[in-house]
């Protein structure tokens, strides 16, 4: 579901598209439901994330999965099995280098 304006809770939390390496601002993002709203997935903050249109489409590609983590982040698993960890754009929510999962650049 695309909102005309990002949720007041999602915008300050995510600050932009949370896909690794993306710099798209939150005002250009869709709000993604981890559990699809068409399948009666809840509109719960921990299950919502800001994704730019391109990465929202990537998330819905066949054999890509996205899951929330216990600490409020998200991970994607690519069809090849590579795990990618979400990012946030606000300095106070960025992980330190030692906390980040190593990711490889993917063609999107």
C-alpha atoms as a PDB file:
ATOM      1  CA  UNK A   1       0.000   0.000   0.000  1.00  0.00           C
ATOM      2  CA  UNK A   2       1.333   3.446  -0.866  1.00  0.00           C
ATOM      3  CA  UNK A   3       0.571   6.323   1.465  1.00  0.00           C
ATOM      4  CA  UNK A   4       0.538   9.865   0.130  1.00  0.00           C
ATOM      5  CA  UNK A   5       2.623  10.844   3.161  1.00  0.00           C
ATOM      6  CA  UNK A   6       4.872   8.557   5.165  1.00  0.00           C
ATOM      7  CA  UNK A   7       3.637   7.693   8.618  1.00  0.00           C
ATOM      8  CA  UNK A   8       4.678  10.183  11.285  1.00  0.00           C
ATOM      9  CA  UNK A   9       6.323   7.292  13.132  1.00  0.00           C
ATOM     10  CA  UNK A  10       8.127   5.780  10.132  1.00  0.00           C
ATOM     11  CA  UNK A  11       9.591   8.995   8.716  1.00  0.00           C
ATOM     12  CA  UNK A  12      11.647   9.935  11.799  1.00  0.00           C
ATOM     13  CA  UNK A  13      12.621   6.323  12.482  1.00  0.00           C
ATOM     14  CA  UNK A  14      13.819   5.381   8.983  1.00  0.00           C
ATOM     15  CA  UNK A  15      14.705   8.768   7.491  1.00  0.00           C
ATOM     16  CA  UNK A  16      14.638   7.352   3.960  1.00  0.00           C
ATOM     17  CA  UNK A  17      14.709   4.096   2.045  1.00  0.00           C
ATOM     18  CA  UNK A  18      16.142   1.440   4.356  1.00  0.00           C
ATOM     19  CA  UNK A  19      17.504  -0.775   1.581  1.00  0.00           C
ATOM     20  CA  UNK A  20      21.295  -1.063   1.984  1.00  0.00           C
ATOM     21  CA  UNK A  21      23.124   1.673   0.078  1.00  0.00           C
ATOM     22  CA  UNK A  22      20.016   3.620  -0.958  1.00  0.00           C
ATOM     23  CA  UNK A  23      19.929   7.375  -0.328  1.00  0.00           C
ATOM     24  CA  UNK A  24      16.334   8.085  -1.392  1.00  0.00           C
ATOM     25  CA  UNK A  25      14.628  10.467   1.082  1.00  0.00           C
ATOM     26  CA  UNK A  26      11.607   9.284   3.039  1.00  0.00           C
ATOM     27  CA  UNK A  27       9.313  11.667   1.144  1.00  0.00           C
ATOM     28  CA  UNK A  28       9.912   9.554  -1.995  1.00  0.00           C
ATOM     29  CA  UNK A  29       9.265   6.243  -0.237  1.00  0.00           C
ATOM     30  CA  UNK A  30       6.409   3.780  -0.043  1.00  0.00           C
ATOM     31  CA  UNK A  31       5.499   2.220   3.267  1.00  0.00           C
ATOM     32  CA  UNK A  32       6.086  -1.517   2.952  1.00  0.00           C
ATOM     33  CA  UNK A  33       4.151  -4.050   5.024  1.00  0.00           C
ATOM     34  CA  UNK A  34       6.366  -7.037   5.873  1.00  0.00           C
ATOM     35  CA  UNK A  35       3.211  -9.125   6.137  1.00  0.00           C
ATOM     36  CA  UNK A  36       1.255  -8.083   3.054  1.00  0.00           C
ATOM     37  CA  UNK A  37      -1.798  -6.004   3.880  1.00  0.00           C
ATOM     38  CA  UNK A  38      -3.739  -7.869   1.164  1.00  0.00           C
ATOM     39  CA  UNK A  39      -3.226 -10.993   3.299  1.00  0.00           C
ATOM     40  CA  UNK A  40      -4.536  -9.120   6.366  1.00  0.00           C
ATOM     41  CA  UNK A  41      -1.034  -8.263   7.585  1.00  0.00           C
ATOM     42  CA  UNK A  42      -1.143  -5.864  10.526  1.00  0.00           C
ATOM     43  CA  UNK A  43      -0.251  -2.209  10.137  1.00  0.00           C
ATOM     44  CA  UNK A  44       2.159  -2.419  13.056  1.00  0.00           C
ATOM     45  CA  UNK A  45       5.179  -0.101  13.259  1.00  0.00           C
ATOM     46  CA  UNK A  46       7.651  -2.967  13.731  1.00  0.00           C
ATOM     47  CA  UNK A  47       6.322  -4.579  10.532  1.00  0.00           C
ATOM     48  CA  UNK A  48       6.455  -1.412   8.384  1.00  0.00           C
ATOM     49  CA  UNK A  49       9.417   0.106   6.591  1.00  0.00           C
ATOM     50  CA  UNK A  50      10.167   2.972   4.210  1.00  0.00           C
ATOM     51  CA  UNK A  51      11.310   1.742   0.791  1.00  0.00           C
ATOM     52  CA  UNK A  52      11.789   3.726  -2.395  1.00  0.00           C
ATOM     53  CA  UNK A  53       9.711   2.483  -5.323  1.00  0.00           C
ATOM     54  CA  UNK A  54      12.655   0.616  -6.872  1.00  0.00           C
ATOM     55  CA  UNK A  55      13.566  -1.251  -3.681  1.00  0.00           C
ATOM     56  CA  UNK A  56       9.917  -1.858  -2.847  1.00  0.00           C
ATOM     57  CA  UNK A  57       9.698  -3.721  -6.153  1.00  0.00           C
ATOM     58  CA  UNK A  58      12.911  -5.619  -5.381  1.00  0.00           C
ATOM     59  CA  UNK A  59      11.427  -6.729  -2.064  1.00  0.00           C
ATOM     60  CA  UNK A  60       8.460  -8.230  -3.916  1.00  0.00           C
ATOM     61  CA  UNK A  61      10.566 -10.150  -6.450  1.00  0.00           C
ATOM     62  CA  UNK A  62      10.339 -13.899  -6.536  1.00  0.00           C
ATOM     63  CA  UNK A  63      12.626 -15.631  -4.032  1.00  0.00           C
ATOM     64  CA  UNK A  64      13.522 -12.427  -2.136  1.00  0.00           C
ATOM     65  CA  UNK A  65      12.502 -12.435   1.531  1.00  0.00           C
ATOM     66  CA  UNK A  66      12.501  -9.645   4.113  1.00  0.00           C
ATOM     67  CA  UNK A  67      12.164 -10.183   7.845  1.00  0.00           C
ATOM     68  CA  UNK A  68      12.231  -7.908  10.890  1.00  0.00           C
ATOM     69  CA  UNK A  69      14.982  -8.566  13.414  1.00  0.00           C
ATOM     70  CA  UNK A  70      14.622  -8.647  17.194  1.00  0.00           C
ATOM     71  CA  UNK A  71      16.257  -5.197  17.459  1.00  0.00           C
ATOM     72  CA  UNK A  72      14.089  -3.220  15.011  1.00  0.00           C
ATOM     73  CA  UNK A  73      16.109  -3.688  11.845  1.00  0.00           C
ATOM     74  CA  UNK A  74      15.291  -5.743   8.754  1.00  0.00           C
ATOM     75  CA  UNK A  75      17.169  -8.349   6.771  1.00  0.00           C
ATOM     76  CA  UNK A  76      16.665  -9.408   3.178  1.00  0.00           C
ATOM     77  CA  UNK A  77      17.713 -12.733   1.770  1.00  0.00           C
ATOM     78  CA  UNK A  78      18.448 -12.700  -1.951  1.00  0.00           C
ATOM     79  CA  UNK A  79      17.706 -15.645  -4.255  1.00  0.00           C
ATOM     80  CA  UNK A  80      21.398 -16.589  -4.032  1.00  0.00           C
ATOM     81  CA  UNK A  81      21.243 -16.690  -0.203  1.00  0.00           C
ATOM     82  CA  UNK A  82      23.084 -13.421   0.485  1.00  0.00           C
ATOM     83  CA  UNK A  83      21.789 -11.617   3.595  1.00  0.00           C
ATOM     84  CA  UNK A  84      21.477  -7.822   3.479  1.00  0.00           C
ATOM     85  CA  UNK A  85      20.839  -5.671   6.551  1.00  0.00           C
ATOM     86  CA  UNK A  86      18.711  -2.528   6.504  1.00  0.00           C
ATOM     87  CA  UNK A  87      20.018   0.921   7.196  1.00  0.00           C
ATOM     88  CA  UNK A  88      18.603   4.081   8.683  1.00  0.00           C
ATOM     89  CA  UNK A  89      19.446   7.603   7.597  1.00  0.00           C
ATOM     90  CA  UNK A  90      19.406   9.310  10.973  1.00  0.00           C
ATOM     91  CA  UNK A  91      22.804   9.495  12.705  1.00  0.00           C
ATOM     92  CA  UNK A  92      21.400   8.494  16.100  1.00  0.00           C
ATOM     93  CA  UNK A  93      20.059   5.223  14.661  1.00  0.00           C
ATOM     94  CA  UNK A  94      23.049   4.167  12.545  1.00  0.00           C
ATOM     95  CA  UNK A  95      24.891   1.045  13.573  1.00  0.00           C
ATOM     96  CA  UNK A  96      28.587   1.206  14.172  1.00  0.00           C
ATOM     97  CA  UNK A  97      30.897  -0.426  11.655  1.00  0.00           C
ATOM     98  CA  UNK A  98      31.383  -3.480  13.879  1.00  0.00           C
ATOM     99  CA  UNK A  99      27.616  -3.993  14.159  1.00  0.00           C
ATOM    100  CA  UNK A 100      26.917  -3.903  10.416  1.00  0.00           C
ATOM    101  CA  UNK A 101      26.562  -7.072   8.425  1.00  0.00           C
ATOM    102  CA  UNK A 102      28.862  -7.163   5.418  1.00  0.00           C
ATOM    103  CA  UNK A 103      26.816  -6.729   2.284  1.00  0.00           C
ATOM    104  CA  UNK A 104      27.559  -6.969  -1.388  1.00  0.00           C
ATOM    105  CA  UNK A 105      26.221  -4.565  -3.973  1.00  0.00           C
ATOM    106  CA  UNK A 106      23.310  -6.123  -5.852  1.00  0.00           C
ATOM    107  CA  UNK A 107      21.863  -5.223  -9.207  1.00  0.00           C
ATOM    108  CA  UNK A 108      18.415  -3.812  -8.603  1.00  0.00           C
END
